[in-house]
C-alpha atoms as a PDB file:
ATOM      1  CA  MET A   1       0.010  -0.003  -0.001  1.00  0.00           C
ATOM      2  CA  ILE A   2       1.088   3.519  -0.662  1.00  0.00           C
ATOM      3  CA  CYS A   3       0.101   6.910   0.770  1.00  0.00           C
ATOM      4  CA  PHE A   4       1.237  10.477   0.389  1.00  0.00           C
ATOM      5  CA  PRO A   5       1.940  12.285   3.689  1.00  0.00           C
ATOM      6  CA  ASN A   6       1.511  16.036   3.368  1.00  0.00           C
ATOM      7  CA  ALA A   7       3.251  18.899   5.117  1.00  0.00           C
ATOM      8  CA  LYS A   8       1.710  21.589   7.322  1.00  0.00           C
ATOM      9  CA  ILE A   9       2.330  25.249   7.971  1.00  0.00           C
ATOM     10  CA  ASN A  10       1.974  27.199  11.184  1.00  0.00           C
ATOM     11  CA  LEU A  11      -0.100  30.340  11.074  1.00  0.00           C
ATOM     12  CA  GLY A  12       1.088  32.197  14.151  1.00  0.00           C
ATOM     13  CA  LEU A  13       3.140  30.630  16.925  1.00  0.00           C
ATOM     14  CA  THR A  14       3.304  31.984  20.452  1.00  0.00           C
ATOM     15  CA  ILE A  15       5.404  30.442  23.236  1.00  0.00           C
ATOM     16  CA  THR A  16       3.294  31.102  26.330  1.00  0.00           C
ATOM     17  CA  ASP A  17       5.355  29.548  29.128  1.00  0.00           C
ATOM     18  CA  ARG A  18       8.008  27.009  30.045  1.00  0.00           C
ATOM     19  CA  ARG A  19       6.795  23.792  31.626  1.00  0.00           C
ATOM     20  CA  ALA A  20       8.261  21.994  34.625  1.00  0.00           C
ATOM     21  CA  ASP A  21       9.278  19.084  32.352  1.00  0.00           C
ATOM     22  CA  GLY A  22      11.482  21.394  30.269  1.00  0.00           C
ATOM     23  CA  TYR A  23       9.092  21.657  27.336  1.00  0.00           C
ATOM     24  CA  HIS A  24       7.202  24.801  26.355  1.00  0.00           C
ATOM     25  CA  ASN A  25       3.482  25.477  26.070  1.00  0.00           C
ATOM     26  CA  LEU A  26       2.485  27.181  22.880  1.00  0.00           C
ATOM     27  CA  GLU A  27      -0.398  28.378  20.762  1.00  0.00           C
ATOM     28  CA  SER A  28      -0.457  27.936  17.002  1.00  0.00           C
ATOM     29  CA  VAL A  29      -2.803  27.277  14.114  1.00  0.00           C
ATOM     30  CA  LEU A  30      -1.803  24.244  12.027  1.00  0.00           C
ATOM     31  CA  TYR A  31      -2.896  24.094   8.409  1.00  0.00           C
ATOM     32  CA  PRO A  32      -2.276  21.199   5.954  1.00  0.00           C
ATOM     33  CA  ILE A  33      -0.689  22.030   2.610  1.00  0.00           C
ATOM     34  CA  GLN A  34      -0.252  20.213  -0.696  1.00  0.00           C
ATOM     35  CA  LEU A  35       3.417  19.297  -0.462  1.00  0.00           C
ATOM     36  CA  HIS A  36       3.910  15.535  -0.138  1.00  0.00           C
ATOM     37  CA  ASP A  37       6.230  12.665   0.584  1.00  0.00           C
ATOM     38  CA  ALA A  38       5.396   9.168  -0.706  1.00  0.00           C
ATOM     39  CA  LEU A  39       5.273   6.239   1.736  1.00  0.00           C
ATOM     40  CA  GLU A  40       4.986   2.585   0.724  1.00  0.00           C
ATOM     41  CA  VAL A  41       4.543  -0.434   2.986  1.00  0.00           C
ATOM     42  CA  VAL A  42       4.697  -4.082   1.847  1.00  0.00           C
ATOM     43  CA  GLU A  43       4.844  -7.294   3.848  1.00  0.00           C
ATOM     44  CA  SER A  44       8.346  -8.694   4.188  1.00  0.00           C
ATOM     45  CA  ASP A  45      10.401 -11.379   5.889  1.00  0.00           C
ATOM     46  CA  GLU A  46      11.868  -8.814   8.241  1.00  0.00           C
ATOM     47  CA  LEU A  47      11.324  -5.224   9.258  1.00  0.00           C
ATOM     48  CA  SER A  48      13.346  -2.864   7.066  1.00  0.00           C
ATOM     49  CA  PHE A  49      13.395   0.791   6.068  1.00  0.00           C
ATOM     50  CA  THR A  50      14.778   2.444   2.954  1.00  0.00           C
ATOM     51  CA  SER A  51      14.468   5.940   1.568  1.00  0.00           C
ATOM     52  CA  SER A  52      15.103   7.971  -1.564  1.00  0.00           C
ATOM     53  CA  GLY A  53      14.770  11.592  -2.536  1.00  0.00           C
ATOM     54  CA  LEU A  54      16.104  14.015   0.064  1.00  0.00           C
ATOM     55  CA  ALA A  55      18.698  12.562   2.422  1.00  0.00           C
ATOM     56  CA  ILE A  56      17.265  11.700   5.861  1.00  0.00           C
ATOM     57  CA  PRO A  57      19.683  12.151   8.786  1.00  0.00           C
ATOM     58  CA  GLY A  58      20.157   9.391  11.333  1.00  0.00           C
ATOM     59  CA  ASN A  59      19.897   5.640  10.974  1.00  0.00           C
ATOM     60  CA  ALA A  60      16.831   3.618  10.062  1.00  0.00           C
ATOM     61  CA  ASP A  61      16.083   2.608  13.667  1.00  0.00           C
ATOM     62  CA  SER A  62      15.599   6.261  14.615  1.00  0.00           C
ATOM     63  CA  ASN A  63      13.063   6.950  11.872  1.00  0.00           C
ATOM     64  CA  LEU A  64       9.612   7.728  13.219  1.00  0.00           C
ATOM     65  CA  CYS A  65       7.941   5.250  10.878  1.00  0.00           C
ATOM     66  CA  VAL A  66      10.050   2.448  12.321  1.00  0.00           C
ATOM     67  CA  LYS A  67       9.242   3.627  15.854  1.00  0.00           C
ATOM     68  CA  ALA A  68       5.552   3.680  14.914  1.00  0.00           C
ATOM     69  CA  TYR A  69       5.802   0.088  13.709  1.00  0.00           C
ATOM     70  CA  HIS A  70       7.248  -1.020  17.070  1.00  0.00           C
ATOM     71  CA  LEU A  71       4.442   0.762  18.936  1.00  0.00           C
ATOM     72  CA  LEU A  72       1.830  -1.151  16.961  1.00  0.00           C
ATOM     73  CA  ALA A  73       3.743  -4.442  17.101  1.00  0.00           C
ATOM     74  CA  ALA A  74       3.739  -4.254  20.900  1.00  0.00           C
ATOM     75  CA  ASP A  75      -0.061  -4.346  20.899  1.00  0.00           C
ATOM     76  CA  PHE A  76      -0.975  -6.264  17.721  1.00  0.00           C
ATOM     77  CA  SER A  77       0.180  -9.356  15.927  1.00  0.00           C
ATOM     78  CA  ILE A  78       1.363  -7.769  12.694  1.00  0.00           C
ATOM     79  CA  PRO A  79       3.917  -9.178  10.249  1.00  0.00           C
ATOM     80  CA  PRO A  80       7.261  -7.561   9.437  1.00  0.00           C
ATOM     81  CA  VAL A  81       7.079  -4.941   6.691  1.00  0.00           C
ATOM     82  CA  HIS A  82       9.407  -3.166   4.342  1.00  0.00           C
ATOM     83  CA  ILE A  83       8.957   0.602   4.545  1.00  0.00           C
ATOM     84  CA  HIS A  84      10.094   2.820   1.697  1.00  0.00           C
ATOM     85  CA  LEU A  85       9.885   6.576   2.035  1.00  0.00           C
ATOM     86  CA  TYR A  86      10.392   8.965  -0.859  1.00  0.00           C
ATOM     87  CA  LYS A  87      11.327  12.185   0.909  1.00  0.00           C
ATOM     88  CA  HIS A  88      10.236  15.380  -0.845  1.00  0.00           C
ATOM     89  CA  VAL A  89       9.166  17.641   2.066  1.00  0.00           C
ATOM     90  CA  PRO A  90      12.240  19.620   3.250  1.00  0.00           C
ATOM     91  CA  ILE A  91      13.728  18.525   6.563  1.00  0.00           C
ATOM     92  CA  GLY A  92      14.344  20.936   9.440  1.00  0.00           C
ATOM     93  CA  ALA A  93      12.148  23.501   7.737  1.00  0.00           C
ATOM     94  CA  GLY A  94       9.184  23.784  10.135  1.00  0.00           C
ATOM     95  CA  LEU A  95       6.852  21.743   7.915  1.00  0.00           C
ATOM     96  CA  GLY A  96       6.284  18.679  10.080  1.00  0.00           C
ATOM     97  CA  GLY A  97       7.286  16.243   7.358  1.00  0.00           C
ATOM     98  CA  GLY A  98       8.651  13.554   9.657  1.00  0.00           C
ATOM     99  CA  SER A  99       5.613  13.804  11.903  1.00  0.00           C
ATOM    100  CA  ALA A 100       3.324  13.460   8.904  1.00  0.00           C
ATOM    101  CA  ASP A 101       5.195  10.336   7.731  1.00  0.00           C
ATOM    102  CA  ALA A 102       4.735   8.701  11.120  1.00  0.00           C
ATOM    103  CA  ALA A 103       1.040   9.575  11.386  1.00  0.00           C
ATOM    104  CA  PHE A 104       0.287   8.429   7.855  1.00  0.00           C
ATOM    105  CA  PHE A 105       2.202   5.198   8.535  1.00  0.00           C
ATOM    106  CA  LEU A 106      -0.085   4.543  11.531  1.00  0.00           C
ATOM    107  CA  LYS A 107      -3.169   5.144   9.368  1.00  0.00           C
ATOM    108  CA  LEU A 108      -1.823   2.972   6.545  1.00  0.00           C
ATOM    109  CA  MET A 109      -1.024   0.098   8.912  1.00  0.00           C
ATOM    110  CA  ASN A 110      -4.471   0.425  10.459  1.00  0.00           C
ATOM    111  CA  ASP A 111      -6.064   0.051   7.037  1.00  0.00           C
ATOM    112  CA  LYS A 112      -3.697  -2.573   5.659  1.00  0.00           C
ATOM    113  CA  PHE A 113      -3.960  -4.961   8.598  1.00  0.00           C
ATOM    114  CA  LYS A 114      -7.539  -4.065   9.635  1.00  0.00           C
ATOM    115  CA  LEU A 115      -6.564  -3.110  13.184  1.00  0.00           C
ATOM    116  CA  SER A 116      -9.876  -1.237  13.670  1.00  0.00           C
ATOM    117  CA  LEU A 117      -8.224   1.607  15.544  1.00  0.00           C
ATOM    118  CA  SER A 118     -10.434   4.672  16.038  1.00  0.00           C
ATOM    119  CA  VAL A 119      -9.284   8.192  15.283  1.00  0.00           C
ATOM    120  CA  GLU A 120      -8.821   8.761  18.996  1.00  0.00           C
ATOM    121  CA  GLN A 121      -6.686   5.644  19.354  1.00  0.00           C
ATOM    122  CA  LEU A 122      -4.563   6.629  16.354  1.00  0.00           C
ATOM    123  CA  GLU A 123      -4.057  10.077  17.874  1.00  0.00           C
ATOM    124  CA  ALA A 124      -2.962   8.439  21.134  1.00  0.00           C
ATOM    125  CA  TYR A 125      -0.342   6.371  19.330  1.00  0.00           C
ATOM    126  CA  ALA A 126       0.753   9.433  17.339  1.00  0.00           C
ATOM    127  CA  SER A 127       1.186  11.501  20.500  1.00  0.00           C
ATOM    128  CA  ARG A 128       3.786   9.021  21.710  1.00  0.00           C
ATOM    129  CA  LEU A 129       5.886   9.743  18.627  1.00  0.00           C
ATOM    130  CA  GLY A 130       5.968  13.548  18.656  1.00  0.00           C
ATOM    131  CA  ALA A 131       4.022  16.695  19.384  1.00  0.00           C
ATOM    132  CA  ASP A 132       3.049  17.369  15.756  1.00  0.00           C
ATOM    133  CA  CYS A 133       2.097  13.798  14.934  1.00  0.00           C
ATOM    134  CA  PRO A 134      -1.506  13.775  16.241  1.00  0.00           C
ATOM    135  CA  PHE A 135      -2.428  16.684  13.940  1.00  0.00           C
ATOM    136  CA  PHE A 136      -1.875  14.560  10.838  1.00  0.00           C
ATOM    137  CA  ILE A 137      -4.381  11.885  11.911  1.00  0.00           C
ATOM    138  CA  LYS A 138      -7.380  14.107  11.108  1.00  0.00           C
ATOM    139  CA  ASN A 139      -5.184  16.334   8.929  1.00  0.00           C
ATOM    140  CA  LYS A 140      -7.525  19.316   9.147  1.00  0.00           C
ATOM    141  CA  PRO A 141      -6.986  22.925  10.302  1.00  0.00           C
ATOM    142  CA  ALA A 142      -6.604  23.059  14.068  1.00  0.00           C
ATOM    143  CA  PHE A 143      -5.761  25.386  16.936  1.00  0.00           C
ATOM    144  CA  ALA A 144      -2.901  23.741  18.847  1.00  0.00           C
ATOM    145  CA  THR A 145      -2.044  24.288  22.499  1.00  0.00           C
ATOM    146  CA  GLY A 146      -0.008  22.431  25.113  1.00  0.00           C
ATOM    147  CA  ILE A 147       3.237  21.360  23.444  1.00  0.00           C
ATOM    148  CA  GLY A 148       1.325  21.409  20.170  1.00  0.00           C
ATOM    149  CA  ASN A 149      -0.497  18.134  20.809  1.00  0.00           C
ATOM    150  CA  GLN A 150      -3.782  19.484  22.175  1.00  0.00           C
ATOM    151  CA  LEU A 151      -5.920  20.165  19.124  1.00  0.00           C
ATOM    152  CA  GLN A 152      -9.143  22.036  18.595  1.00  0.00           C
ATOM    153  CA  GLY A 153     -10.622  21.855  15.110  1.00  0.00           C
ATOM    154  CA  ILE A 154     -11.320  25.244  13.514  1.00  0.00           C
ATOM    155  CA  THR A 155     -12.982  26.463  10.325  1.00  0.00           C
ATOM    156  CA  LEU A 156     -10.299  27.881   8.069  1.00  0.00           C
ATOM    157  CA  ASP A 157     -10.208  27.657   4.270  1.00  0.00           C
ATOM    158  CA  LEU A 158      -7.408  29.289   2.246  1.00  0.00           C
ATOM    159  CA  SER A 159      -8.360  27.647  -1.043  1.00  0.00           C
ATOM    160  CA  SER A 160      -9.259  30.982  -2.603  1.00  0.00           C
ATOM    161  CA  TYR A 161      -5.691  32.216  -1.977  1.00  0.00           C
ATOM    162  CA  TYR A 162      -2.422  31.263  -3.608  1.00  0.00           C
ATOM    163  CA  LEU A 163       0.184  29.920  -1.180  1.00  0.00           C
ATOM    164  CA  VAL A 164       3.897  30.047  -1.893  1.00  0.00           C
ATOM    165  CA  LEU A 165       6.415  28.248   0.280  1.00  0.00           C
ATOM    166  CA  VAL A 166      10.040  29.370   0.248  1.00  0.00           C
ATOM    167  CA  THR A 167      12.684  27.125   1.820  1.00  0.00           C
ATOM    168  CA  PRO A 168      16.298  28.324   2.074  1.00  0.00           C
ATOM    169  CA  ASP A 169      19.235  25.956   2.454  1.00  0.00           C
ATOM    170  CA  VAL A 170      19.141  26.349   6.225  1.00  0.00           C
ATOM    171  CA  HIS A 171      18.415  23.550   8.714  1.00  0.00           C
ATOM    172  CA  ILE A 172      17.132  24.712  12.107  1.00  0.00           C
ATOM    173  CA  SER A 173      16.773  22.134  14.854  1.00  0.00           C
ATOM    174  CA  THR A 174      13.882  22.391  17.292  1.00  0.00           C
ATOM    175  CA  ALA A 175      16.369  22.707  20.173  1.00  0.00           C
ATOM    176  CA  GLU A 176      18.105  25.647  18.502  1.00  0.00           C
ATOM    177  CA  ALA A 177      14.791  27.392  17.880  1.00  0.00           C
ATOM    178  CA  TYR A 178      13.594  27.047  21.466  1.00  0.00           C
ATOM    179  CA  ARG A 179      16.854  28.170  23.061  1.00  0.00           C
ATOM    180  CA  GLY A 180      16.225  31.771  22.032  1.00  0.00           C
ATOM    181  CA  VAL A 181      12.571  32.226  22.982  1.00  0.00           C
ATOM    182  CA  ASN A 182      11.212  34.280  25.862  1.00  0.00           C
ATOM    183  CA  PRO A 183       7.779  32.920  26.838  1.00  0.00           C
ATOM    184  CA  ALA A 184       5.061  35.536  27.281  1.00  0.00           C
ATOM    185  CA  THR A 185       1.317  35.918  27.317  1.00  0.00           C
ATOM    186  CA  PRO A 186       0.188  36.809  23.785  1.00  0.00           C
ATOM    187  CA  VAL A 187      -0.981  40.337  23.129  1.00  0.00           C
ATOM    188  CA  TYR A 188      -3.767  39.138  20.828  1.00  0.00           C
ATOM    189  CA  SER A 189      -5.809  35.949  20.987  1.00  0.00           C
ATOM    190  CA  LEU A 190      -4.633  33.784  18.099  1.00  0.00           C
ATOM    191  CA  LEU A 191      -7.896  31.868  18.089  1.00  0.00           C
ATOM    192  CA  GLU A 192      -9.774  35.162  17.562  1.00  0.00           C
ATOM    193  CA  SER A 193      -7.202  36.698  15.212  1.00  0.00           C
ATOM    194  CA  ILE A 194      -7.260  33.754  12.791  1.00  0.00           C
ATOM    195  CA  GLN A 195     -10.922  34.495  12.113  1.00  0.00           C
ATOM    196  CA  LYS A 196     -10.120  38.019  10.952  1.00  0.00           C
ATOM    197  CA  PRO A 197      -9.619  38.745   7.235  1.00  0.00           C
ATOM    198  CA  VAL A 198      -6.292  37.436   5.921  1.00  0.00           C
ATOM    199  CA  SER A 199      -5.491  40.990   4.786  1.00  0.00           C
ATOM    200  CA  VAL A 200      -5.090  42.102   8.432  1.00  0.00           C
ATOM    201  CA  TRP A 201      -3.315  39.027   9.815  1.00  0.00           C
ATOM    202  CA  LYS A 202       0.093  40.743   9.654  1.00  0.00           C
ATOM    203  CA  ASN A 203      -1.108  43.167  12.348  1.00  0.00           C
ATOM    204  CA  PHE A 204      -2.190  40.443  14.774  1.00  0.00           C
ATOM    205  CA  ILE A 205      -0.520  37.104  13.989  1.00  0.00           C
ATOM    206  CA  ALA A 206       3.202  36.540  14.562  1.00  0.00           C
ATOM    207  CA  ASN A 207       5.728  33.756  15.057  1.00  0.00           C
ATOM    208  CA  ASP A 208       7.754  34.143  18.265  1.00  0.00           C
ATOM    209  CA  PHE A 209      10.704  32.275  16.762  1.00  0.00           C
ATOM    210  CA  GLU A 210      11.248  34.943  14.139  1.00  0.00           C
ATOM    211  CA  LYS A 211      12.866  37.534  16.380  1.00  0.00           C
ATOM    212  CA  HIS A 212      15.960  35.580  17.369  1.00  0.00           C
ATOM    213  CA  LEU A 213      16.182  33.329  14.319  1.00  0.00           C
ATOM    214  CA  PHE A 214      16.057  36.308  11.987  1.00  0.00           C
ATOM    215  CA  GLU A 215      19.095  37.688  13.830  1.00  0.00           C
ATOM    216  CA  ALA A 216      20.925  34.389  13.436  1.00  0.00           C
ATOM    217  CA  TYR A 217      19.794  33.853   9.838  1.00  0.00           C
ATOM    218  CA  PRO A 218      19.191  37.248   8.186  1.00  0.00           C
ATOM    219  CA  GLN A 219      18.552  35.469   4.864  1.00  0.00           C
ATOM    220  CA  ILE A 220      15.268  34.175   6.281  1.00  0.00           C
ATOM    221  CA  ARG A 221      14.215  37.698   7.267  1.00  0.00           C
ATOM    222  CA  ALA A 222      15.067  38.790   3.705  1.00  0.00           C
ATOM    223  CA  LEU A 223      12.853  36.057   2.241  1.00  0.00           C
ATOM    224  CA  LYS A 224       9.877  37.250   4.290  1.00  0.00           C
ATOM    225  CA  SER A 225      10.468  40.837   3.190  1.00  0.00           C
ATOM    226  CA  SER A 226      10.697  39.695  -0.423  1.00  0.00           C
ATOM    227  CA  LEU A 227       7.333  37.957  -0.218  1.00  0.00           C
ATOM    228  CA  TYR A 228       5.687  41.141   1.023  1.00  0.00           C
ATOM    229  CA  GLU A 229       7.445  43.145  -1.701  1.00  0.00           C
ATOM    230  CA  ALA A 230       6.034  40.677  -4.249  1.00  0.00           C
ATOM    231  CA  GLY A 231       2.502  41.391  -3.028  1.00  0.00           C
ATOM    232  CA  ALA A 232       1.790  38.828  -0.300  1.00  0.00           C
ATOM    233  CA  VAL A 233      -1.095  39.782   1.984  1.00  0.00           C
ATOM    234  CA  TYR A 234       0.513  37.767   4.753  1.00  0.00           C
ATOM    235  CA  ALA A 235       3.977  36.237   5.148  1.00  0.00           C
ATOM    236  CA  ALA A 236       5.659  34.525   8.071  1.00  0.00           C
ATOM    237  CA  MET A 237       8.122  31.838   9.008  1.00  0.00           C
ATOM    238  CA  THR A 238       6.370  28.530   9.633  1.00  0.00           C
ATOM    239  CA  GLY A 239       6.998  26.580  12.819  1.00  0.00           C
ATOM    240  CA  SER A 240      10.570  26.729  14.012  1.00  0.00           C
ATOM    241  CA  GLY A 241      11.764  27.555  10.467  1.00  0.00           C
ATOM    242  CA  SER A 242      13.470  27.794   8.136  1.00  0.00           C
ATOM    243  CA  SER A 243      10.601  27.860   5.618  1.00  0.00           C
ATOM    244  CA  VAL A 244       8.612  31.038   5.028  1.00  0.00           C
ATOM    245  CA  VAL A 245       5.079  30.996   3.624  1.00  0.00           C
ATOM    246  CA  GLY A 246       3.485  33.797   1.638  1.00  0.00           C
ATOM    247  CA  ILE A 247      -0.249  34.106   1.033  1.00  0.00           C
ATOM    248  CA  PHE A 248      -1.188  35.849  -2.208  1.00  0.00           C
ATOM    249  CA  GLU A 249      -4.512  36.814  -3.763  1.00  0.00           C
ATOM    250  CA  LYS A 250      -3.412  35.574  -7.182  1.00  0.00           C
ATOM    251  CA  PRO A 251      -0.658  33.354  -8.679  1.00  0.00           C
ATOM    252  CA  VAL A 252       2.837  34.804  -8.831  1.00  0.00           C
ATOM    253  CA  VAL A 253       6.240  33.799 -10.188  1.00  0.00           C
ATOM    254  CA  LEU A 254       9.148  34.764  -7.930  1.00  0.00           C
ATOM    255  CA  THR A 255      12.138  34.462 -10.230  1.00  0.00           C
ATOM    256  CA  THR A 256      14.428  36.417  -7.922  1.00  0.00           C
ATOM    257  CA  LEU A 257      13.627  34.246  -4.920  1.00  0.00           C
ATOM    258  CA  GLU A 258      14.185  31.068  -6.959  1.00  0.00           C
ATOM    259  CA  LYS A 259      17.874  32.016  -7.081  1.00  0.00           C
ATOM    260  CA  LYS A 260      18.054  32.167  -3.267  1.00  0.00           C
ATOM    261  CA  ALA A 261      15.877  29.295  -2.081  1.00  0.00           C
ATOM    262  CA  GLN A 262      13.624  26.462  -3.142  1.00  0.00           C
ATOM    263  CA  VAL A 263      10.212  27.834  -4.072  1.00  0.00           C
ATOM    264  CA  TYR A 264       7.065  25.697  -3.996  1.00  0.00           C
ATOM    265  CA  TYR A 265       4.098  27.262  -5.758  1.00  0.00           C
ATOM    266  CA  GLY A 266       0.419  26.662  -5.047  1.00  0.00           C
ATOM    267  CA  VAL A 267       0.843  24.546  -1.969  1.00  0.00           C
END
């Protein structure tokens, strides 16, 4: 069986406080986009993992799909499988690609081996793999709180807009992103602000990671500025970076930016 895990973007991201366990509480709106990996699972004599496309750091045992298999195998009698992942979603770019792969693997295994897991049960497994993973079970716009794993479905449709994703050749680890944040109570309610017209989002919706990461990587700041100069009604870094998303009212071609970063149109 094969499936196509998609990426997500963050629309706003506020770090509200630091938790006793060392993690941070946050608020963000997660939105699925049309940028995909390809994931195939076939029965095999032994568990194995291969990949193609973009290089994936680490060894196979550390891949979230392999970890997801072991979670299911601990509770169900499932055969070994061969997992092949074609990696297209940029890594370390704030797009949740690895989390999506793991969540889609859980859903694929549930269907393939008729495990009869409910959405809630799949989300519970996904939450054991990473904070972003549960979002990709329903894969619908959501307001995220906690460490990003507490999800409230929201009504948000950007299909009438043209989304452009710009990804520079910069890898930002989650640890690096969080080291520079100063938790604070948000000035504006993100849940209320996201319901305002997209044309005014730039006045109310921000990403807390931008301040210190823009200082460390001025090329990311420049990409955001370029998107606004090209006519974006809203532009911001997504997640912990390094990707920047621009929302336009009509299709554009950004030839200048294509020389500086990978540009994905109409995501």
